[in-house]
Amino acid sequence: NALAHILRKKGIQRGDIIPLIAKRSYYIMVAMLGILKAGAAYMPIAPDYPKDRVQFIVQEAKSKVACVFGYEEQLENIELIRLDALELENAEGTMRQPIACKNNSEDLCYIIFTSGSTGVPKGVMITHGNVLNYCHNNDNNVCHATIKANYKKIISVTNMVFDIFVTESILPLLNGLTIYFTNDEEVFSQSAINRIVTENKVEVLQTTPTKMKGYLLDKNQKDYLSTLKVIILGGEALTVGLYEELRK
């Protein structure tokens, strides 16, 4: 709420696009929700992207401000709001109050840019209606056929610049799940994943087959496999070998 009020005071309007450039931290969630509450759309950008690529994306989106954490580059023609310098926890009472919604289902929720491997990167626009349709728990929803209504805990290991990050962020929050958000070191550590999942009895893991292979390398760090209730793999081909190893 405090971030949303700050953005409104900076002149952010319904439909504006705000880049989110941040390393893995709870600040990502704060920024996503604050931007949406302000009426704008968030646009995730990986902080390790080359500066010229970041500048290009920001200019294409005609952004006025960007929310950043752990990103030290200076960008042209845009104000950078450093999330860790705002002291949001100490905001005055009025700044922490709910803020009136300005959006409808046809408004933009977020924009992601393609890799640009076949040319200039292009933005893909997703509306609030699109996201709600994906996150809403109903019998016809493929995601909820996998993530059952009685599941309450999910671990987040996906880069926010990918579409499937919604499954680890907005979807669980709308359906009462707790998110265990890995940092930049934990996300590549099988021992960290093993510890987080087993200690907290996490039920859902979503990742790519390639990253899943990395989580299976240490045979002494596989207790988490018997704790999880569902593993969602996507984004690339699933080999028969990996499938059979997980089925064991």
Protein backbone atom coordinates (compact mmCIF):
# COMPACT_ATOMS: atom_id res chain seq x y z
CA ASN A 1 0.00 0.00 0.00
CA ALA A 2 2.80 2.44 0.90
CA LEU A 3 4.57 1.87 -2.42
CA ALA A 4 1.29 2.31 -4.32
CA HIS A 5 0.70 5.66 -2.61
CA ILE A 6 4.27 6.74 -3.44
CA LEU A 7 3.79 5.84 -7.09
CA ARG A 8 0.49 7.73 -7.28
CA LYS A 9 2.16 10.81 -5.78
CA LYS A 10 4.80 10.58 -8.51
CA GLY A 11 2.06 10.87 -11.11
CA ILE A 12 1.69 7.22 -12.07
CA GLN A 13 -1.61 6.72 -13.87
CA ARG A 14 -3.78 3.79 -14.82
CA GLY A 15 -2.12 1.90 -17.65
CA ASP A 16 1.42 3.20 -17.07
CA ILE A 17 4.18 0.61 -17.36
CA ILE A 18 6.74 0.36 -14.57
CA PRO A 19 9.91 -1.68 -15.01
CA LEU A 20 10.86 -3.92 -12.10
CA ILE A 21 14.61 -4.58 -12.07
CA ALA A 22 15.51 -6.63 -9.01
CA LYS A 23 17.54 -9.54 -7.74
CA ARG A 24 15.59 -12.28 -5.96
CA SER A 25 14.07 -10.88 -2.77
CA TYR A 26 10.71 -10.25 -1.15
CA TYR A 27 11.03 -6.77 -2.68
CA ILE A 28 9.92 -8.36 -5.97
CA MET A 29 6.56 -9.24 -4.42
CA VAL A 30 6.24 -5.84 -2.74
CA ALA A 31 6.94 -4.08 -6.03
CA MET A 32 4.58 -6.24 -8.11
CA LEU A 33 1.66 -5.69 -5.75
CA GLY A 34 2.45 -2.01 -5.15
CA ILE A 35 2.60 -1.32 -8.88
CA LEU A 36 -0.69 -3.12 -9.49
CA LYS A 37 -2.37 -1.33 -6.59
CA ALA A 38 -1.26 1.99 -8.10
CA GLY A 39 -3.11 1.06 -11.29
CA ALA A 40 -0.03 0.46 -13.42
CA ALA A 41 1.42 -2.66 -15.03
CA TYR A 42 4.73 -4.16 -13.94
CA MET A 43 7.44 -5.12 -16.41
CA PRO A 44 10.06 -7.53 -14.98
CA ILE A 45 13.65 -7.08 -16.20
CA ALA A 46 16.55 -9.26 -15.06
CA PRO A 47 19.23 -7.15 -13.33
CA ASP A 48 21.99 -9.04 -15.15
CA TYR A 49 20.74 -7.98 -18.58
CA PRO A 50 23.22 -5.76 -20.49
CA LYS A 51 22.58 -2.07 -19.80
CA ASP A 52 21.80 -1.29 -23.45
CA ARG A 53 19.14 -4.01 -23.51
CA VAL A 54 17.56 -2.66 -20.31
CA GLN A 55 17.63 0.88 -21.71
CA PHE A 56 15.98 -0.30 -24.94
CA ILE A 57 13.15 -2.07 -23.09
CA VAL A 58 12.55 0.89 -20.78
CA GLN A 59 12.38 3.29 -23.74
CA GLU A 60 10.06 0.98 -25.69
CA ALA A 61 7.65 0.94 -22.74
CA LYS A 62 7.82 4.74 -22.35
CA SER A 63 8.26 4.27 -18.62
CA LYS A 64 8.44 7.24 -16.25
CA VAL A 65 9.83 5.44 -13.22
CA ALA A 66 11.33 2.03 -12.44
CA CYS A 67 11.43 0.05 -9.19
CA VAL A 68 14.88 -1.43 -8.56
CA PHE A 69 16.67 -3.55 -5.96
CA GLY A 70 20.28 -4.66 -6.26
CA TYR A 71 20.65 -2.86 -9.60
CA GLU A 72 23.35 -0.18 -9.65
CA GLU A 73 23.32 0.99 -13.28
CA GLN A 74 22.09 4.48 -14.09
CA LEU A 75 19.49 4.64 -16.86
CA GLU A 76 18.62 7.62 -19.01
CA ASN A 77 15.32 9.52 -18.93
CA ILE A 78 13.75 7.52 -16.11
CA GLU A 79 13.54 7.90 -12.33
CA LEU A 80 14.79 4.91 -10.36
CA ILE A 81 12.93 4.11 -7.14
CA ARG A 82 15.31 2.08 -4.96
CA LEU A 83 13.02 -0.19 -2.97
CA ASP A 84 15.47 -0.79 -0.11
CA ALA A 85 15.81 2.97 0.48
CA LEU A 86 12.09 3.72 0.93
CA GLU A 87 11.71 2.41 4.51
CA LEU A 88 8.23 1.17 3.61
CA GLU A 89 7.90 -0.61 6.95
CA ASN A 90 8.04 2.77 8.72
CA ALA A 91 5.58 4.57 6.43
CA GLU A 92 3.04 6.80 8.12
CA GLY A 93 -0.39 5.37 8.89
CA THR A 94 -2.16 7.00 5.94
CA MET A 95 0.45 5.61 3.54
CA ARG A 96 -0.25 2.08 4.74
CA GLN A 97 -3.99 2.30 4.16
CA PRO A 98 -5.61 0.46 1.23
CA ILE A 99 -5.69 2.42 -2.01
CA ALA A 100 -8.71 2.68 -4.30
CA CYS A 101 -8.56 0.38 -7.34
CA LYS A 102 -8.54 2.06 -10.76
CA ASN A 103 -8.40 -0.99 -13.00
CA ASN A 104 -10.73 -3.32 -14.85
CA SER A 105 -10.13 -6.74 -16.38
CA GLU A 106 -9.04 -5.30 -19.73
CA ASP A 107 -6.20 -3.23 -18.27
CA LEU A 108 -2.60 -4.42 -18.49
CA CYS A 109 -1.32 -6.45 -15.55
CA TYR A 110 2.23 -7.05 -16.75
CA ILE A 111 4.48 -7.05 -19.79
CA ILE A 112 7.35 -9.44 -20.50
CA PHE A 113 9.89 -9.01 -23.27
CA THR A 114 10.99 -11.86 -25.53
CA SER A 115 14.64 -12.87 -25.64
CA GLY A 116 15.14 -11.17 -28.98
CA SER A 117 17.07 -14.16 -30.29
CA THR A 118 15.46 -13.79 -33.73
CA GLY A 119 15.58 -9.99 -33.83
CA VAL A 120 14.65 -7.00 -31.68
CA PRO A 121 13.04 -7.92 -28.31
CA LYS A 122 9.26 -7.49 -28.33
CA GLY A 123 6.89 -6.97 -25.43
CA VAL A 124 4.03 -9.39 -24.71
CA MET A 125 1.07 -7.79 -22.95
CA ILE A 126 -0.98 -9.67 -20.35
CA THR A 127 -4.22 -8.23 -18.92
CA HIS A 128 -5.74 -8.56 -15.47
CA GLY A 129 -8.44 -10.73 -17.06
CA ASN A 130 -5.80 -13.06 -18.50
CA VAL A 131 -4.12 -13.46 -15.12
CA LEU A 132 -7.36 -13.95 -13.22
CA ASN A 133 -8.50 -16.60 -15.70
CA TYR A 134 -5.25 -18.47 -15.10
CA CYS A 135 -5.25 -18.08 -11.32
CA HIS A 136 -8.94 -18.61 -10.58
CA ASN A 137 -9.65 -21.98 -9.01
CA ASN A 138 -12.26 -23.77 -11.07
CA ASP A 139 -12.77 -27.23 -12.50
CA ASN A 140 -11.74 -26.18 -16.00
CA ASN A 141 -8.41 -24.65 -15.00
CA VAL A 142 -5.42 -26.81 -15.98
CA CYS A 143 -3.20 -25.31 -13.29
CA HIS A 144 -5.66 -26.07 -10.52
CA ALA A 145 -6.06 -29.60 -11.75
CA THR A 146 -2.41 -29.93 -10.66
CA ILE A 147 -2.22 -27.58 -7.67
CA LYS A 148 -5.06 -28.94 -5.56
CA ALA A 149 -7.22 -26.73 -3.37
CA ASN A 150 -5.84 -28.32 -0.20
CA TYR A 151 -2.20 -27.55 -1.07
CA LYS A 152 -0.93 -24.65 1.03
CA LYS A 153 2.79 -24.23 0.32
CA ILE A 154 4.81 -23.59 -2.85
CA ILE A 155 8.50 -22.86 -3.36
CA SER A 156 9.52 -20.16 -5.84
CA VAL A 157 12.60 -20.91 -7.99
CA THR A 158 11.56 -19.29 -11.30
CA ASN A 159 13.06 -16.11 -12.75
CA MET A 160 10.46 -13.35 -12.62
CA VAL A 161 10.99 -12.49 -16.31
CA PHE A 162 9.24 -15.70 -17.37
CA ASP A 163 5.48 -16.11 -17.66
CA ILE A 164 5.40 -19.12 -15.37
CA PHE A 165 6.55 -16.94 -12.47
CA VAL A 166 2.87 -16.03 -12.06
CA THR A 167 2.33 -19.61 -10.84
CA GLU A 168 4.73 -18.89 -7.96
CA SER A 169 3.56 -15.37 -7.12
CA ILE A 170 0.09 -14.08 -7.95
CA LEU A 171 -1.59 -17.50 -8.18
CA PRO A 172 -0.61 -18.71 -4.68
CA LEU A 173 -1.50 -15.36 -3.09
CA LEU A 174 -4.96 -15.42 -4.69
CA ASN A 175 -5.53 -18.97 -3.48
CA GLY A 176 -4.22 -18.83 0.08
CA LEU A 177 -0.85 -20.54 -0.40
CA THR A 178 2.35 -19.58 1.37
CA ILE A 179 5.30 -18.79 -0.93
CA TYR A 180 8.81 -19.86 0.09
CA PHE A 181 10.89 -17.44 -1.97
CA THR A 182 14.47 -18.58 -2.70
CA ASN A 183 17.23 -16.00 -3.05
CA ASP A 184 19.81 -15.86 -5.85
CA GLU A 185 22.07 -18.40 -4.14
CA GLU A 186 19.43 -20.85 -2.89
CA VAL A 187 17.71 -21.09 -6.26
CA PHE A 188 20.66 -23.03 -7.72
CA SER A 189 21.46 -25.10 -4.62
CA GLN A 190 20.05 -28.61 -4.28
CA SER A 191 20.91 -28.67 -0.57
CA ALA A 192 19.04 -25.39 -0.04
CA ILE A 193 15.99 -26.66 -1.92
CA ASN A 194 16.14 -29.90 0.08
CA ARG A 195 16.29 -27.98 3.35
CA ILE A 196 13.55 -25.47 2.56
CA VAL A 197 11.11 -28.06 1.24
CA THR A 198 11.62 -30.64 4.00
CA GLU A 199 11.74 -28.20 6.94
CA ASN A 200 8.61 -26.37 5.82
CA LYS A 201 6.73 -29.31 4.29
CA VAL A 202 6.39 -27.54 0.94
CA GLU A 203 3.99 -29.31 -1.41
CA VAL A 204 4.52 -27.72 -4.84
CA LEU A 205 7.66 -27.20 -6.96
CA GLN A 206 7.58 -25.74 -10.47
CA THR A 207 10.70 -25.56 -12.63
CA THR A 208 12.26 -26.48 -15.95
CA PRO A 209 13.59 -29.97 -16.72
CA THR A 210 17.13 -28.56 -16.91
CA LYS A 211 16.98 -27.02 -13.43
CA MET A 212 15.27 -30.15 -12.09
CA LYS A 213 18.25 -32.22 -13.26
CA GLY A 214 20.47 -29.95 -11.18
CA TYR A 215 18.32 -30.60 -8.12
CA LEU A 216 18.94 -34.35 -8.52
CA LEU A 217 22.74 -34.44 -8.78
CA ASP A 218 23.46 -35.04 -5.07
CA LYS A 219 22.02 -38.40 -4.08
CA ASN A 220 22.25 -37.42 -0.39
CA GLN A 221 20.01 -34.37 -0.85
CA LYS A 222 16.82 -35.92 -2.19
CA ASP A 223 14.60 -36.03 0.90
CA TYR A 224 12.54 -33.21 -0.58
CA LEU A 225 11.21 -35.54 -3.29
CA SER A 226 9.20 -37.51 -0.73
CA THR A 227 7.89 -34.27 0.80
CA LEU A 228 6.58 -32.67 -2.39
CA LYS A 229 3.10 -33.63 -3.59
CA VAL A 230 3.46 -32.29 -7.12
CA ILE A 231 6.31 -31.28 -9.42
CA ILE A 232 5.39 -29.14 -12.44
CA LEU A 233 7.91 -29.22 -15.29
CA GLY A 234 7.68 -27.04 -18.39
CA GLY A 235 9.34 -24.61 -20.74
CA GLU A 236 11.33 -27.25 -22.60
CA ALA A 237 11.27 -30.92 -23.53
CA LEU A 238 10.90 -33.46 -20.73
CA THR A 239 13.09 -36.50 -21.35
CA VAL A 240 11.98 -40.02 -20.60
CA GLY A 241 15.07 -40.46 -18.41
CA LEU A 242 14.22 -37.54 -16.15
CA TYR A 243 10.58 -38.62 -15.92
CA GLU A 244 11.57 -42.14 -14.88
CA GLU A 245 14.08 -40.85 -12.33
CA LEU A 246 11.43 -38.69 -10.68
CA ARG A 247 8.89 -41.53 -10.72
CA LYS A 248 11.26 -43.63 -8.61
